[in-house]
Amino acid sequence: MSRVNVAVAVADDAQDRIYEVAAACRALGLDHSATLAVVGVLTGSMESEGLAKLLTVPGVLTVEIRELRSGITERIQCRGREA
């Protein structure tokens, strides 16, 4: 398993429920470190194998992954379903 740092973008129409979205993401394995409510982003880390689960959370728009391997940062963006 590989642990990755994650930024989860919350859809505009779900930003009034950002704390509920964060709780749902935590229930799926997100080690939640910050809620940036003003911009609608959650940050944290989780095992890469569980990332697809985050895209099933109502209100999640995109998931950005930063994986560190030998000092190299990779950025991968996965699009969630339209809100």
C-alpha atoms as a PDB file:
ATOM      1  CA  MET A   1       0.000   0.000   0.000  1.00  0.00           C
ATOM      2  CA  SER A   2       1.074   3.527  -0.683  1.00  0.00           C
ATOM      3  CA  ARG A   3       0.023   6.487   1.430  1.00  0.00           C
ATOM      4  CA  VAL A   4      -0.652   9.676  -0.537  1.00  0.00           C
ATOM      5  CA  ASN A   5      -1.443  13.286   0.340  1.00  0.00           C
ATOM      6  CA  VAL A   6      -4.835  14.352  -0.971  1.00  0.00           C
ATOM      7  CA  ALA A   7      -6.718  17.572  -1.680  1.00  0.00           C
ATOM      8  CA  VAL A   8     -10.462  17.053  -2.117  1.00  0.00           C
ATOM      9  CA  ALA A   9     -12.401  19.781  -3.929  1.00  0.00           C
ATOM     10  CA  VAL A  10     -15.998  20.188  -2.795  1.00  0.00           C
ATOM     11  CA  ALA A  11     -18.620  21.260  -5.345  1.00  0.00           C
ATOM     12  CA  ASP A  12     -20.002  24.786  -5.043  1.00  0.00           C
ATOM     13  CA  ASP A  13     -23.502  23.554  -4.229  1.00  0.00           C
ATOM     14  CA  ALA A  14     -22.137  21.356  -1.410  1.00  0.00           C
ATOM     15  CA  GLN A  15     -19.910  23.913   0.306  1.00  0.00           C
ATOM     16  CA  ASP A  16     -22.598  24.683   2.865  1.00  0.00           C
ATOM     17  CA  ARG A  17     -22.276  20.989   3.849  1.00  0.00           C
ATOM     18  CA  ILE A  18     -18.449  20.835   3.748  1.00  0.00           C
ATOM     19  CA  TYR A  19     -18.203  19.460   7.286  1.00  0.00           C
ATOM     20  CA  GLU A  20     -20.624  16.643   6.400  1.00  0.00           C
ATOM     21  CA  VAL A  21     -18.588  15.900   3.268  1.00  0.00           C
ATOM     22  CA  ALA A  22     -15.436  15.822   5.427  1.00  0.00           C
ATOM     23  CA  ALA A  23     -17.065  13.367   7.853  1.00  0.00           C
ATOM     24  CA  ALA A  24     -18.063  11.086   4.976  1.00  0.00           C
ATOM     25  CA  CYS A  25     -14.501  11.200   3.597  1.00  0.00           C
ATOM     26  CA  ARG A  26     -13.082  10.356   7.042  1.00  0.00           C
ATOM     27  CA  ALA A  27     -15.443   7.384   7.246  1.00  0.00           C
ATOM     28  CA  LEU A  28     -13.885   6.112   4.003  1.00  0.00           C
ATOM     29  CA  GLY A  29     -10.337   6.355   5.325  1.00  0.00           C
ATOM     30  CA  LEU A  30      -9.244   9.959   4.848  1.00  0.00           C
ATOM     31  CA  ASP A  31      -6.860  11.072   7.592  1.00  0.00           C
ATOM     32  CA  HIS A  32      -8.308  14.589   7.474  1.00  0.00           C
ATOM     33  CA  SER A  33      -5.850  17.337   8.360  1.00  0.00           C
ATOM     34  CA  ALA A  34      -7.595  20.589   7.339  1.00  0.00           C
ATOM     35  CA  THR A  35     -10.850  22.058   6.084  1.00  0.00           C
ATOM     36  CA  LEU A  36     -10.413  25.125   3.891  1.00  0.00           C
ATOM     37  CA  ALA A  37     -14.071  26.146   3.943  1.00  0.00           C
ATOM     38  CA  VAL A  38     -13.578  29.471   2.152  1.00  0.00           C
ATOM     39  CA  VAL A  39     -12.246  27.731  -0.966  1.00  0.00           C
ATOM     40  CA  GLY A  40     -14.084  24.422  -0.550  1.00  0.00           C
ATOM     41  CA  VAL A  41     -11.102  22.105  -0.116  1.00  0.00           C
ATOM     42  CA  LEU A  42     -10.325  19.299   2.319  1.00  0.00           C
ATOM     43  CA  THR A  43      -6.754  18.113   2.822  1.00  0.00           C
ATOM     44  CA  GLY A  44      -5.316  14.969   4.321  1.00  0.00           C
ATOM     45  CA  SER A  45      -3.809  11.636   3.425  1.00  0.00           C
ATOM     46  CA  MET A  46      -4.959   8.092   2.826  1.00  0.00           C
ATOM     47  CA  GLU A  47      -3.960   4.796   1.270  1.00  0.00           C
ATOM     48  CA  SER A  48      -3.977   5.044  -2.522  1.00  0.00           C
ATOM     49  CA  GLU A  49      -6.086   1.912  -2.866  1.00  0.00           C
ATOM     50  CA  GLY A  50      -9.065   3.714  -1.273  1.00  0.00           C
ATOM     51  CA  LEU A  51      -9.010   6.879  -3.368  1.00  0.00           C
ATOM     52  CA  ALA A  52     -11.812   5.858  -5.721  1.00  0.00           C
ATOM     53  CA  LYS A  53     -14.138   5.692  -2.715  1.00  0.00           C
ATOM     54  CA  LEU A  54     -13.740   9.452  -2.157  1.00  0.00           C
ATOM     55  CA  LEU A  55     -15.261  10.115  -5.575  1.00  0.00           C
ATOM     56  CA  THR A  56     -18.475   8.401  -4.449  1.00  0.00           C
ATOM     57  CA  VAL A  57     -19.101  10.935  -1.674  1.00  0.00           C
ATOM     58  CA  PRO A  58     -21.930  13.320  -2.614  1.00  0.00           C
ATOM     59  CA  GLY A  59     -20.447  16.781  -3.007  1.00  0.00           C
ATOM     60  CA  VAL A  60     -16.914  15.672  -3.924  1.00  0.00           C
ATOM     61  CA  LEU A  61     -15.983  17.248  -7.234  1.00  0.00           C
ATOM     62  CA  THR A  62     -12.330  16.274  -7.715  1.00  0.00           C
ATOM     63  CA  VAL A  63      -9.487  14.576  -5.873  1.00  0.00           C
ATOM     64  CA  GLU A  64      -5.899  15.708  -6.346  1.00  0.00           C
ATOM     65  CA  ILE A  65      -3.124  13.381  -5.254  1.00  0.00           C
ATOM     66  CA  ARG A  66       0.459  14.217  -4.359  1.00  0.00           C
ATOM     67  CA  GLU A  67       2.574  11.108  -4.038  1.00  0.00           C
ATOM     68  CA  LEU A  68       6.169  11.315  -2.911  1.00  0.00           C
ATOM     69  CA  ARG A  69       8.571   8.831  -4.455  1.00  0.00           C
ATOM     70  CA  SER A  70      12.286   9.400  -4.161  1.00  0.00           C
ATOM     71  CA  GLY A  71      11.746  13.116  -3.646  1.00  0.00           C
ATOM     72  CA  ILE A  72       9.570  13.511  -6.766  1.00  0.00           C
ATOM     73  CA  THR A  73       6.052  14.875  -6.413  1.00  0.00           C
ATOM     74  CA  GLU A  74       3.463  13.589  -8.848  1.00  0.00           C
ATOM     75  CA  ARG A  75       0.137  15.311  -9.318  1.00  0.00           C
ATOM     76  CA  ILE A  76      -2.770  13.287 -10.540  1.00  0.00           C
ATOM     77  CA  GLN A  77      -6.276  14.649 -10.799  1.00  0.00           C
ATOM     78  CA  CYS A  78      -9.317  12.404 -10.801  1.00  0.00           C
ATOM     79  CA  ARG A  79     -12.648  13.886 -11.752  1.00  0.00           C
ATOM     80  CA  GLY A  80     -15.632  13.003  -9.637  1.00  0.00           C
ATOM     81  CA  ARG A  81     -19.179  12.943 -10.837  1.00  0.00           C
ATOM     82  CA  GLU A  82     -20.910  16.196 -11.626  1.00  0.00           C
ATOM     83  CA  ALA A  83     -22.764  17.696  -8.686  1.00  0.00           C
END
